[in-house]
Amino acid sequence: MARYVKTAALAAIAAVVAAAPAAALDKIRMVNSTKVVFETEHPYSAKENGIFEKYGLDVSIIHGSGGAASLQAVITGSQDVVWGNGVLGVVSAYSKGAPVRVLGSNIRGVPDLYWYVKADSPIKSFKDLKAEHEFAYSRPGSTTNLAVLFIKEALNIPAKAVSVGGPSGSRTQLMSGQVATGWSVFPLNKNLLREKKIRIIGTGAAAAALTGTTIRVIAANVNWLDKNRDAARRLMNALTEGQARTYSSDDQLKAYAKRWKLNYEDIKSAPMDTPLNSSTFLPVAGLEKINQIALENKKIKKLLTKEQLHELVHPMGNKPI
């Protein structure tokens, strides 16, 4: 009888434990400022391989319509974190008192950008661009706009900088003869390179003054951050692990190609096109230079102080030291 009672009691305890709900995951809302480009894969890598869950997180990922709209979603609190936002936009918003803080760097420099011409164009390199040529960039104040300005200055290029919109709009305008150059970001349009319809005339590496300077960032609403700092730290650790998988797993590259309907042959070199040493989340570097660029481009009315630049960055979710 005693053995029966003991067995029944253990069975009852096991039933209660089995019925108990698993520990609730902390929900985080992330808006991705762009899509398709290689660096956008890291959150997917973390989500689809159980890495977020491993860190006790339930992360939703939506896509915004560009940096300004994506950042606004975080500023208003409808999203918690923005991935891949231009640092100039964040500095500008912060200078106006917006509740936004930087958690880490997405990319330093612009090695993943490239410019191209039609295959039969006489233009062979940046240095062949003349005053009558159009030097394409996406939109005023964008990363591509910044890169073009620095390339023009570095190489003394007289070509006129012209806004052509995103990669698809740029491609259409180039192929229809409206502009002399197009811009893109690896691995987009690699199919056209493979088919020899276009030629690369230079990359963002020519904007040498931007090398090592943080250009795109991961940022968070500071009101959310102050209440969820531990979750923010776990998020950044999970993203670090997701990024490592993206750079090291052939299966993840295949998942990346499938997600965006890309040819695997066109994207398998993506980890080399966007080197990991430019994409680690720390350091957030060159903010003094970005501060000056923001002032010169009228993104801010006066330079941020040293103290403000320090307070802007909460590295990996931690408070500034």
C-alpha atoms as a PDB file:
ATOM      1  CA  MET A   1       0.000   0.000   0.000  1.00  0.00           C
ATOM      2  CA  ALA A   2       2.809   2.379   0.957  1.00  0.00           C
ATOM      3  CA  ARG A   3       4.578   1.633  -2.321  1.00  0.00           C
ATOM      4  CA  TYR A   4       1.350   2.384  -4.219  1.00  0.00           C
ATOM      5  CA  VAL A   5       0.856   5.722  -2.424  1.00  0.00           C
ATOM      6  CA  LYS A   6       4.467   6.732  -3.110  1.00  0.00           C
ATOM      7  CA  THR A   7       4.189   5.781  -6.771  1.00  0.00           C
ATOM      8  CA  ALA A   8       0.897   7.648  -7.121  1.00  0.00           C
ATOM      9  CA  ALA A   9       2.393  10.732  -5.473  1.00  0.00           C
ATOM     10  CA  LEU A  10       5.403  10.731  -7.821  1.00  0.00           C
ATOM     11  CA  ALA A  11       3.109  10.322 -10.799  1.00  0.00           C
ATOM     12  CA  ALA A  12       1.030  13.274  -9.634  1.00  0.00           C
ATOM     13  CA  ILE A  13       4.135  15.450  -9.228  1.00  0.00           C
ATOM     14  CA  ALA A  14       5.358  14.453 -12.703  1.00  0.00           C
ATOM     15  CA  ALA A  15       1.978  15.344 -14.179  1.00  0.00           C
ATOM     16  CA  VAL A  16       2.077  18.784 -12.556  1.00  0.00           C
ATOM     17  CA  VAL A  17       5.611  19.447 -13.814  1.00  0.00           C
ATOM     18  CA  ALA A  18       4.683  18.326 -17.323  1.00  0.00           C
ATOM     19  CA  ALA A  19       1.642  20.562 -17.328  1.00  0.00           C
ATOM     20  CA  ALA A  20       3.560  23.608 -16.045  1.00  0.00           C
ATOM     21  CA  PRO A  21       4.102  26.203 -18.773  1.00  0.00           C
ATOM     22  CA  ALA A  22       7.644  26.778 -20.001  1.00  0.00           C
ATOM     23  CA  ALA A  23       9.312  29.980 -18.862  1.00  0.00           C
ATOM     24  CA  ALA A  24       7.936  32.853 -20.917  1.00  0.00           C
ATOM     25  CA  LEU A  25      10.253  34.247 -23.565  1.00  0.00           C
ATOM     26  CA  ASP A  26      10.950  37.986 -23.561  1.00  0.00           C
ATOM     27  CA  LYS A  27       9.361  39.501 -26.664  1.00  0.00           C
ATOM     28  CA  ILE A  28      11.386  41.962 -28.731  1.00  0.00           C
ATOM     29  CA  ARG A  29      10.104  43.757 -31.814  1.00  0.00           C
ATOM     30  CA  MET A  30      12.778  44.360 -34.448  1.00  0.00           C
ATOM     31  CA  VAL A  31      12.408  46.372 -37.641  1.00  0.00           C
ATOM     32  CA  ASN A  32      14.939  45.707 -40.399  1.00  0.00           C
ATOM     33  CA  SER A  33      15.629  48.903 -42.306  1.00  0.00           C
ATOM     34  CA  THR A  34      16.312  47.023 -45.531  1.00  0.00           C
ATOM     35  CA  LYS A  35      16.214  43.497 -46.926  1.00  0.00           C
ATOM     36  CA  VAL A  36      18.073  41.081 -49.191  1.00  0.00           C
ATOM     37  CA  VAL A  37      21.566  42.522 -48.525  1.00  0.00           C
ATOM     38  CA  PHE A  38      23.881  40.122 -46.710  1.00  0.00           C
ATOM     39  CA  GLU A  39      23.958  41.818 -43.315  1.00  0.00           C
ATOM     40  CA  THR A  40      20.182  41.436 -42.985  1.00  0.00           C
ATOM     41  CA  GLU A  41      20.646  37.676 -42.737  1.00  0.00           C
ATOM     42  CA  HIS A  42      22.078  37.622 -39.201  1.00  0.00           C
ATOM     43  CA  PRO A  43      18.748  38.131 -37.367  1.00  0.00           C
ATOM     44  CA  TYR A  44      17.170  35.413 -39.542  1.00  0.00           C
ATOM     45  CA  SER A  45      20.070  33.109 -38.765  1.00  0.00           C
ATOM     46  CA  ALA A  46      19.440  33.630 -35.044  1.00  0.00           C
ATOM     47  CA  LYS A  47      15.684  33.222 -35.376  1.00  0.00           C
ATOM     48  CA  GLU A  48      15.543  30.171 -37.626  1.00  0.00           C
ATOM     49  CA  ASN A  49      18.196  28.203 -35.758  1.00  0.00           C
ATOM     50  CA  GLY A  50      16.723  28.610 -32.278  1.00  0.00           C
ATOM     51  CA  ILE A  51      19.414  31.011 -31.105  1.00  0.00           C
ATOM     52  CA  PHE A  52      16.993  33.702 -29.928  1.00  0.00           C
ATOM     53  CA  GLU A  53      15.008  31.083 -28.036  1.00  0.00           C
ATOM     54  CA  LYS A  54      18.231  29.761 -26.503  1.00  0.00           C
ATOM     55  CA  TYR A  55      18.736  33.239 -25.029  1.00  0.00           C
ATOM     56  CA  GLY A  56      15.154  33.381 -23.740  1.00  0.00           C
ATOM     57  CA  LEU A  57      13.883  35.677 -26.490  1.00  0.00           C
ATOM     58  CA  ASP A  58      10.951  35.765 -28.879  1.00  0.00           C
ATOM     59  CA  VAL A  59      12.043  38.218 -31.583  1.00  0.00           C
ATOM     60  CA  SER A  60       9.701  39.365 -34.342  1.00  0.00           C
ATOM     61  CA  ILE A  61      11.300  40.778 -37.504  1.00  0.00           C
ATOM     62  CA  ILE A  62       9.536  43.121 -39.903  1.00  0.00           C
ATOM     63  CA  HIS A  63      10.909  45.162 -42.790  1.00  0.00           C
ATOM     64  CA  GLY A  64      10.686  48.922 -42.907  1.00  0.00           C
ATOM     65  CA  SER A  65      10.598  51.077 -46.010  1.00  0.00           C
ATOM     66  CA  GLY A  66      14.056  52.574 -45.650  1.00  0.00           C
ATOM     67  CA  GLY A  67      16.088  53.980 -42.788  1.00  0.00           C
ATOM     68  CA  ALA A  68      13.997  57.046 -41.957  1.00  0.00           C
ATOM     69  CA  ALA A  69      10.709  55.153 -41.641  1.00  0.00           C
ATOM     70  CA  SER A  70      12.339  52.286 -39.742  1.00  0.00           C
ATOM     71  CA  LEU A  71      13.986  54.645 -37.269  1.00  0.00           C
ATOM     72  CA  GLN A  72      10.705  56.480 -36.778  1.00  0.00           C
ATOM     73  CA  ALA A  73       9.049  53.195 -35.797  1.00  0.00           C
ATOM     74  CA  VAL A  74      11.578  52.820 -32.979  1.00  0.00           C
ATOM     75  CA  ILE A  75      11.363  56.452 -31.924  1.00  0.00           C
ATOM     76  CA  THR A  76       7.577  56.218 -31.572  1.00  0.00           C
ATOM     77  CA  GLY A  77       7.866  52.920 -29.694  1.00  0.00           C
ATOM     78  CA  SER A  78       5.952  50.773 -32.166  1.00  0.00           C
ATOM     79  CA  GLN A  79       9.181  48.769 -32.539  1.00  0.00           C
ATOM     80  CA  ASP A  80      11.917  48.223 -29.963  1.00  0.00           C
ATOM     81  CA  VAL A  81      15.066  47.837 -32.054  1.00  0.00           C
ATOM     82  CA  VAL A  82      16.081  48.869 -35.568  1.00  0.00           C
ATOM     83  CA  TRP A  83      18.649  46.860 -37.504  1.00  0.00           C
ATOM     84  CA  GLY A  84      20.925  48.453 -40.100  1.00  0.00           C
ATOM     85  CA  ASN A  85      19.950  52.108 -39.794  1.00  0.00           C
ATOM     86  CA  GLY A  86      22.236  54.817 -41.189  1.00  0.00           C
ATOM     87  CA  VAL A  87      24.251  56.388 -38.394  1.00  0.00           C
ATOM     88  CA  LEU A  88      23.658  59.922 -39.721  1.00  0.00           C
ATOM     89  CA  GLY A  89      19.909  59.491 -39.233  1.00  0.00           C
ATOM     90  CA  VAL A  90      20.405  58.240 -35.681  1.00  0.00           C
ATOM     91  CA  VAL A  91      22.760  61.099 -34.784  1.00  0.00           C
ATOM     92  CA  SER A  92      20.302  63.593 -36.256  1.00  0.00           C
ATOM     93  CA  ALA A  93      17.358  62.128 -34.320  1.00  0.00           C
ATOM     94  CA  TYR A  94      19.343  61.998 -31.077  1.00  0.00           C
ATOM     95  CA  SER A  95      20.391  65.641 -31.475  1.00  0.00           C
ATOM     96  CA  LYS A  96      16.691  66.570 -31.532  1.00  0.00           C
ATOM     97  CA  GLY A  97      15.988  64.696 -28.314  1.00  0.00           C
ATOM     98  CA  ALA A  98      14.595  61.490 -29.834  1.00  0.00           C
ATOM     99  CA  PRO A  99      14.663  58.489 -27.455  1.00  0.00           C
ATOM    100  CA  VAL A 100      17.152  56.454 -29.466  1.00  0.00           C
ATOM    101  CA  ARG A 101      20.480  54.874 -28.494  1.00  0.00           C
ATOM    102  CA  VAL A 102      23.057  52.828 -30.415  1.00  0.00           C
ATOM    103  CA  LEU A 103      23.632  49.212 -29.333  1.00  0.00           C
ATOM    104  CA  GLY A 104      26.269  48.315 -31.886  1.00  0.00           C
ATOM    105  CA  SER A 105      27.727  48.822 -35.329  1.00  0.00           C
ATOM    106  CA  ASN A 106      26.350  47.022 -38.393  1.00  0.00           C
ATOM    107  CA  ILE A 107      29.169  47.950 -40.728  1.00  0.00           C
ATOM    108  CA  ARG A 108      32.239  50.168 -40.715  1.00  0.00           C
ATOM    109  CA  GLY A 109      33.171  51.726 -44.007  1.00  0.00           C
ATOM    110  CA  VAL A 110      31.234  50.856 -47.170  1.00  0.00           C
ATOM    111  CA  PRO A 111      33.041  47.805 -48.610  1.00  0.00           C
ATOM    112  CA  ASP A 112      29.768  46.200 -49.703  1.00  0.00           C
ATOM    113  CA  LEU A 113      28.790  49.025 -52.074  1.00  0.00           C
ATOM    114  CA  TYR A 114      29.765  49.021 -55.730  1.00  0.00           C
ATOM    115  CA  TRP A 115      29.153  51.075 -58.868  1.00  0.00           C
ATOM    116  CA  TYR A 116      28.716  49.690 -62.347  1.00  0.00           C
ATOM    117  CA  VAL A 117      28.132  50.575 -65.988  1.00  0.00           C
ATOM    118  CA  LYS A 118      26.655  48.764 -68.973  1.00  0.00           C
ATOM    119  CA  ALA A 119      29.037  46.246 -70.480  1.00  0.00           C
ATOM    120  CA  ASP A 120      29.599  48.334 -73.610  1.00  0.00           C
ATOM    121  CA  SER A 121      30.277  51.595 -71.730  1.00  0.00           C
ATOM    122  CA  PRO A 122      33.647  53.303 -72.370  1.00  0.00           C
ATOM    123  CA  ILE A 123      33.879  54.005 -68.620  1.00  0.00           C
ATOM    124  CA  LYS A 124      36.364  51.559 -67.075  1.00  0.00           C
ATOM    125  CA  SER A 125      36.881  52.994 -63.586  1.00  0.00           C
ATOM    126  CA  PHE A 126      35.849  55.851 -61.300  1.00  0.00           C
ATOM    127  CA  LYS A 127      38.635  57.972 -62.756  1.00  0.00           C
ATOM    128  CA  ASP A 128      36.961  57.871 -66.188  1.00  0.00           C
ATOM    129  CA  LEU A 129      33.903  59.727 -64.872  1.00  0.00           C
ATOM    130  CA  LYS A 130      33.676  63.187 -66.447  1.00  0.00           C
ATOM    131  CA  ALA A 131      31.562  66.254 -65.765  1.00  0.00           C
ATOM    132  CA  GLU A 132      28.898  65.054 -68.224  1.00  0.00           C
ATOM    133  CA  HIS A 133      28.445  61.726 -66.380  1.00  0.00           C
ATOM    134  CA  GLU A 134      26.010  60.938 -63.587  1.00  0.00           C
ATOM    135  CA  PHE A 135      27.479  59.399 -60.415  1.00  0.00           C
ATOM    136  CA  ALA A 136      24.556  57.455 -58.941  1.00  0.00           C
ATOM    137  CA  TYR A 137      23.481  57.287 -55.295  1.00  0.00           C
ATOM    138  CA  SER A 138      20.182  56.340 -53.661  1.00  0.00           C
ATOM    139  CA  ARG A 139      18.741  59.302 -51.738  1.00  0.00           C
ATOM    140  CA  PRO A 140      20.062  62.522 -50.162  1.00  0.00           C
ATOM    141  CA  GLY A 141      21.667  61.824 -46.797  1.00  0.00           C
ATOM    142  CA  SER A 142      21.958  58.087 -47.459  1.00  0.00           C
ATOM    143  CA  THR A 143      25.017  55.888 -47.053  1.00  0.00           C
ATOM    144  CA  THR A 144      25.477  55.849 -50.836  1.00  0.00           C
ATOM    145  CA  ASN A 145      25.236  59.655 -50.971  1.00  0.00           C
ATOM    146  CA  LEU A 146      27.931  59.881 -48.306  1.00  0.00           C
ATOM    147  CA  ALA A 147      30.129  57.386 -50.138  1.00  0.00           C
ATOM    148  CA  VAL A 148      29.814  59.219 -53.464  1.00  0.00           C
ATOM    149  CA  LEU A 149      30.800  62.522 -51.853  1.00  0.00           C
ATOM    150  CA  PHE A 150      33.915  60.960 -50.331  1.00  0.00           C
ATOM    151  CA  ILE A 151      34.859  59.107 -53.529  1.00  0.00           C
ATOM    152  CA  LYS A 152      34.471  62.305 -55.586  1.00  0.00           C
ATOM    153  CA  GLU A 153      36.708  64.149 -53.137  1.00  0.00           C
ATOM    154  CA  ALA A 154      39.315  61.384 -52.848  1.00  0.00           C
ATOM    155  CA  LEU A 155      39.678  60.876 -56.620  1.00  0.00           C
ATOM    156  CA  ASN A 156      38.864  64.443 -57.741  1.00  0.00           C
ATOM    157  CA  ILE A 157      35.927  63.244 -59.845  1.00  0.00           C
ATOM    158  CA  PRO A 158      33.918  66.016 -61.605  1.00  0.00           C
ATOM    159  CA  ALA A 159      30.851  63.848 -62.327  1.00  0.00           C
ATOM    160  CA  LYS A 160      27.532  65.072 -60.939  1.00  0.00           C
ATOM    161  CA  ALA A 161      26.095  63.103 -58.012  1.00  0.00           C
ATOM    162  CA  VAL A 162      22.540  62.079 -58.959  1.00  0.00           C
ATOM    163  CA  SER A 163      19.826  60.457 -56.827  1.00  0.00           C
ATOM    164  CA  VAL A 164      18.391  57.353 -58.526  1.00  0.00           C
ATOM    165  CA  GLY A 165      16.601  55.563 -55.674  1.00  0.00           C
ATOM    166  CA  GLY A 166      17.252  51.982 -54.573  1.00  0.00           C
ATOM    167  CA  PRO A 167      19.141  49.235 -56.410  1.00  0.00           C
ATOM    168  CA  SER A 168      16.212  48.323 -58.680  1.00  0.00           C
ATOM    169  CA  GLY A 169      15.539  51.934 -59.650  1.00  0.00           C
ATOM    170  CA  SER A 170      19.242  52.470 -60.220  1.00  0.00           C
ATOM    171  CA  ARG A 171      19.431  49.414 -62.475  1.00  0.00           C
ATOM    172  CA  THR A 172      16.411  50.518 -64.524  1.00  0.00           C
ATOM    173  CA  GLN A 173      17.763  54.015 -65.074  1.00  0.00           C
ATOM    174  CA  LEU A 174      21.193  52.743 -66.061  1.00  0.00           C
ATOM    175  CA  MET A 175      19.974  50.074 -68.467  1.00  0.00           C
ATOM    176  CA  SER A 176      17.556  52.529 -70.115  1.00  0.00           C
ATOM    177  CA  GLY A 177      20.379  55.035 -70.667  1.00  0.00           C
ATOM    178  CA  GLN A 178      19.101  57.724 -68.288  1.00  0.00           C
ATOM    179  CA  VAL A 179      22.300  57.728 -66.222  1.00  0.00           C
ATOM    180  CA  ALA A 180      25.912  56.757 -66.872  1.00  0.00           C
ATOM    181  CA  THR A 181      26.402  54.707 -63.707  1.00  0.00           C
ATOM    182  CA  GLY A 182      24.394  52.540 -61.357  1.00  0.00           C
ATOM    183  CA  TRP A 183      24.999  51.611 -57.752  1.00  0.00           C
ATOM    184  CA  SER A 184      24.316  48.408 -55.883  1.00  0.00           C
ATOM    185  CA  VAL A 185      25.278  46.445 -52.802  1.00  0.00           C
ATOM    186  CA  PHE A 186      26.698  42.951 -52.835  1.00  0.00           C
ATOM    187  CA  PRO A 187      25.252  40.452 -53.707  1.00  0.00           C
ATOM    188  CA  LEU A 188      22.450  42.287 -55.552  1.00  0.00           C
ATOM    189  CA  ASN A 189      22.738  42.349 -59.361  1.00  0.00           C
ATOM    190  CA  LYS A 190      25.477  39.733 -59.367  1.00  0.00           C
ATOM    191  CA  ASN A 191      23.382  37.860 -61.929  1.00  0.00           C
ATOM    192  CA  LEU A 192      23.941  40.773 -64.325  1.00  0.00           C
ATOM    193  CA  LEU A 193      27.673  40.578 -63.663  1.00  0.00           C
ATOM    194  CA  ARG A 194      27.650  36.822 -64.275  1.00  0.00           C
ATOM    195  CA  GLU A 195      25.723  37.361 -67.521  1.00  0.00           C
ATOM    196  CA  LYS A 196      28.217  40.110 -68.499  1.00  0.00           C
ATOM    197  CA  LYS A 197      25.506  42.728 -68.926  1.00  0.00           C
ATOM    198  CA  ILE A 198      27.255  45.133 -66.552  1.00  0.00           C
ATOM    199  CA  ARG A 199      30.804  45.843 -65.331  1.00  0.00           C
ATOM    200  CA  ILE A 200      31.957  47.086 -61.920  1.00  0.00           C
ATOM    201  CA  ILE A 201      33.951  50.327 -62.111  1.00  0.00           C
ATOM    202  CA  GLY A 202      34.718  50.626 -58.405  1.00  0.00           C
ATOM    203  CA  THR A 203      33.639  49.847 -54.859  1.00  0.00           C
ATOM    204  CA  GLY A 204      33.104  51.660 -51.604  1.00  0.00           C
ATOM    205  CA  ALA A 205      36.714  50.895 -50.706  1.00  0.00           C
ATOM    206  CA  ALA A 206      37.568  54.037 -52.719  1.00  0.00           C
ATOM    207  CA  ALA A 207      35.909  56.093 -49.963  1.00  0.00           C
ATOM    208  CA  ALA A 208      39.054  55.551 -47.914  1.00  0.00           C
ATOM    209  CA  ALA A 209      38.198  58.308 -45.438  1.00  0.00           C
ATOM    210  CA  LEU A 210      35.226  56.222 -44.279  1.00  0.00           C
ATOM    211  CA  THR A 211      37.237  53.046 -43.674  1.00  0.00           C
ATOM    212  CA  GLY A 212      36.841  51.984 -40.061  1.00  0.00           C
ATOM    213  CA  THR A 213      34.020  54.476 -39.451  1.00  0.00           C
ATOM    214  CA  THR A 214      30.645  53.127 -38.367  1.00  0.00           C
ATOM    215  CA  ILE A 215      28.110  53.768 -41.138  1.00  0.00           C
ATOM    216  CA  ARG A 216      25.081  51.657 -40.173  1.00  0.00           C
ATOM    217  CA  VAL A 217      24.020  50.731 -36.663  1.00  0.00           C
ATOM    218  CA  ILE A 218      21.723  48.682 -34.449  1.00  0.00           C
ATOM    219  CA  ALA A 219      19.696  51.104 -32.321  1.00  0.00           C
ATOM    220  CA  ALA A 220      16.973  50.887 -29.688  1.00  0.00           C
ATOM    221  CA  ASN A 221      14.275  53.012 -28.117  1.00  0.00           C
ATOM    222  CA  VAL A 222      15.892  54.143 -24.855  1.00  0.00           C
ATOM    223  CA  ASN A 223      12.641  53.886 -22.887  1.00  0.00           C
ATOM    224  CA  TRP A 224      12.405  50.223 -23.861  1.00  0.00           C
ATOM    225  CA  LEU A 225      16.135  49.760 -23.255  1.00  0.00           C
ATOM    226  CA  ASP A 226      16.030  51.149 -19.704  1.00  0.00           C
ATOM    227  CA  LYS A 227      13.247  48.702 -18.804  1.00  0.00           C
ATOM    228  CA  ASN A 228      14.691  45.705 -20.660  1.00  0.00           C
ATOM    229  CA  ARG A 229      18.452  46.031 -20.428  1.00  0.00           C
ATOM    230  CA  ASP A 230      19.056  42.355 -19.669  1.00  0.00           C
ATOM    231  CA  ALA A 231      16.950  41.344 -22.675  1.00  0.00           C
ATOM    232  CA  ALA A 232      18.878  43.830 -24.826  1.00  0.00           C
ATOM    233  CA  ARG A 233      22.174  42.268 -23.764  1.00  0.00           C
ATOM    234  CA  ARG A 234      20.849  38.804 -24.534  1.00  0.00           C
ATOM    235  CA  LEU A 235      19.618  40.062 -27.912  1.00  0.00           C
ATOM    236  CA  MET A 236      23.064  41.328 -28.861  1.00  0.00           C
ATOM    237  CA  ASN A 237      24.695  38.075 -27.723  1.00  0.00           C
ATOM    238  CA  ALA A 238      22.192  36.077 -29.777  1.00  0.00           C
ATOM    239  CA  LEU A 239      22.810  38.276 -32.827  1.00  0.00           C
ATOM    240  CA  THR A 240      26.560  37.752 -32.413  1.00  0.00           C
ATOM    241  CA  GLU A 241      25.990  34.004 -32.505  1.00  0.00           C
ATOM    242  CA  GLY A 242      23.625  34.360 -35.469  1.00  0.00           C
ATOM    243  CA  GLN A 243      26.191  36.425 -37.349  1.00  0.00           C
ATOM    244  CA  ALA A 244      28.881  33.815 -36.712  1.00  0.00           C
ATOM    245  CA  ARG A 245      26.602  31.178 -38.225  1.00  0.00           C
ATOM    246  CA  THR A 246      25.871  33.304 -41.289  1.00  0.00           C
ATOM    247  CA  TYR A 247      29.581  33.709 -41.972  1.00  0.00           C
ATOM    248  CA  SER A 248      30.481  30.058 -41.373  1.00  0.00           C
ATOM    249  CA  SER A 249      27.513  27.940 -42.532  1.00  0.00           C
ATOM    250  CA  ASP A 250      26.961  26.952 -46.132  1.00  0.00           C
ATOM    251  CA  ASP A 251      23.457  25.832 -45.147  1.00  0.00           C
ATOM    252  CA  GLN A 252      22.683  29.339 -43.931  1.00  0.00           C
ATOM    253  CA  LEU A 253      23.888  30.830 -47.209  1.00  0.00           C
ATOM    254  CA  LYS A 254      21.580  28.452 -49.043  1.00  0.00           C
ATOM    255  CA  ALA A 255      18.707  29.527 -46.775  1.00  0.00           C
ATOM    256  CA  TYR A 256      19.601  33.159 -47.532  1.00  0.00           C
ATOM    257  CA  ALA A 257      19.512  32.499 -51.285  1.00  0.00           C
ATOM    258  CA  LYS A 258      16.188  30.670 -51.026  1.00  0.00           C
ATOM    259  CA  ARG A 259      14.567  33.371 -48.870  1.00  0.00           C
ATOM    260  CA  TRP A 260      15.221  36.144 -51.361  1.00  0.00           C
ATOM    261  CA  LYS A 261      15.079  34.028 -54.533  1.00  0.00           C
ATOM    262  CA  LEU A 262      18.763  34.591 -55.301  1.00  0.00           C
ATOM    263  CA  ASN A 263      21.072  32.330 -57.280  1.00  0.00           C
ATOM    264  CA  TYR A 264      23.350  30.513 -54.830  1.00  0.00           C
ATOM    265  CA  GLU A 265      26.284  30.970 -57.217  1.00  0.00           C
ATOM    266  CA  ASP A 266      25.787  34.729 -56.935  1.00  0.00           C
ATOM    267  CA  ILE A 267      25.784  34.844 -53.140  1.00  0.00           C
ATOM    268  CA  LYS A 268      28.262  32.204 -52.000  1.00  0.00           C
ATOM    269  CA  SER A 269      31.038  34.832 -51.921  1.00  0.00           C
ATOM    270  CA  ALA A 270      28.944  37.174 -49.742  1.00  0.00           C
ATOM    271  CA  PRO A 271      31.096  36.625 -46.617  1.00  0.00           C
ATOM    272  CA  MET A 272      34.105  37.858 -48.607  1.00  0.00           C
ATOM    273  CA  ASP A 273      32.231  40.738 -50.245  1.00  0.00           C
ATOM    274  CA  THR A 274      31.275  42.027 -46.772  1.00  0.00           C
ATOM    275  CA  PRO A 275      34.253  41.079 -44.562  1.00  0.00           C
ATOM    276  CA  LEU A 276      33.480  40.112 -40.983  1.00  0.00           C
ATOM    277  CA  ASN A 277      36.160  42.447 -39.635  1.00  0.00           C
ATOM    278  CA  SER A 278      34.056  45.373 -40.897  1.00  0.00           C
ATOM    279  CA  SER A 279      30.798  43.938 -39.534  1.00  0.00           C
ATOM    280  CA  THR A 280      31.483  43.087 -35.893  1.00  0.00           C
ATOM    281  CA  PHE A 281      29.118  44.917 -33.546  1.00  0.00           C
ATOM    282  CA  LEU A 282      31.965  46.577 -31.694  1.00  0.00           C
ATOM    283  CA  PRO A 283      33.613  48.985 -31.932  1.00  0.00           C
ATOM    284  CA  VAL A 284      31.158  51.740 -32.786  1.00  0.00           C
ATOM    285  CA  ALA A 285      33.913  53.815 -34.333  1.00  0.00           C
ATOM    286  CA  GLY A 286      34.516  57.249 -35.813  1.00  0.00           C
ATOM    287  CA  LEU A 287      31.566  59.060 -34.248  1.00  0.00           C
ATOM    288  CA  GLU A 288      33.605  62.262 -34.069  1.00  0.00           C
ATOM    289  CA  LYS A 289      33.941  62.136 -37.862  1.00  0.00           C
ATOM    290  CA  ILE A 290      30.226  61.327 -38.270  1.00  0.00           C
ATOM    291  CA  ASN A 291      29.434  64.249 -35.963  1.00  0.00           C
ATOM    292  CA  GLN A 292      31.322  66.614 -38.287  1.00  0.00           C
ATOM    293  CA  ILE A 293      29.768  65.096 -41.420  1.00  0.00           C
ATOM    294  CA  ALA A 294      26.299  65.483 -39.885  1.00  0.00           C
ATOM    295  CA  LEU A 295      26.948  69.172 -39.255  1.00  0.00           C
ATOM    296  CA  GLU A 296      28.352  69.781 -42.742  1.00  0.00           C
ATOM    297  CA  ASN A 297      25.335  68.066 -44.295  1.00  0.00           C
ATOM    298  CA  LYS A 298      22.892  69.971 -42.070  1.00  0.00           C
ATOM    299  CA  LYS A 299      21.713  66.847 -40.264  1.00  0.00           C
ATOM    300  CA  ILE A 300      22.396  68.584 -36.956  1.00  0.00           C
ATOM    301  CA  LYS A 301      22.396  72.281 -36.069  1.00  0.00           C
ATOM    302  CA  LYS A 302      25.499  72.098 -33.882  1.00  0.00           C
ATOM    303  CA  LEU A 303      28.100  69.513 -33.031  1.00  0.00           C
ATOM    304  CA  LEU A 304      27.182  67.010 -30.351  1.00  0.00           C
ATOM    305  CA  THR A 305      29.398  67.314 -27.299  1.00  0.00           C
ATOM    306  CA  LYS A 306      31.886  64.651 -26.288  1.00  0.00           C
ATOM    307  CA  GLU A 307      29.537  63.742 -23.442  1.00  0.00           C
ATOM    308  CA  GLN A 308      26.582  63.371 -25.808  1.00  0.00           C
ATOM    309  CA  LEU A 309      28.522  61.131 -28.188  1.00  0.00           C
ATOM    310  CA  HIS A 310      29.510  58.972 -25.215  1.00  0.00           C
ATOM    311  CA  GLU A 311      25.944  58.748 -23.931  1.00  0.00           C
ATOM    312  CA  LEU A 312      24.586  57.893 -27.369  1.00  0.00           C
ATOM    313  CA  VAL A 313      26.286  54.483 -27.424  1.00  0.00           C
ATOM    314  CA  HIS A 314      25.119  51.701 -25.096  1.00  0.00           C
ATOM    315  CA  PRO A 315      27.505  48.970 -26.276  1.00  0.00           C
ATOM    316  CA  MET A 316      25.876  45.541 -26.605  1.00  0.00           C
ATOM    317  CA  GLY A 317      22.978  46.808 -24.469  1.00  0.00           C
ATOM    318  CA  ASN A 318      25.171  47.916 -21.559  1.00  0.00           C
ATOM    319  CA  LYS A 319      25.126  51.398 -20.073  1.00  0.00           C
ATOM    320  CA  PRO A 320      27.960  53.664 -21.213  1.00  0.00           C
ATOM    321  CA  ILE A 321      30.937  53.365 -18.895  1.00  0.00           C
END
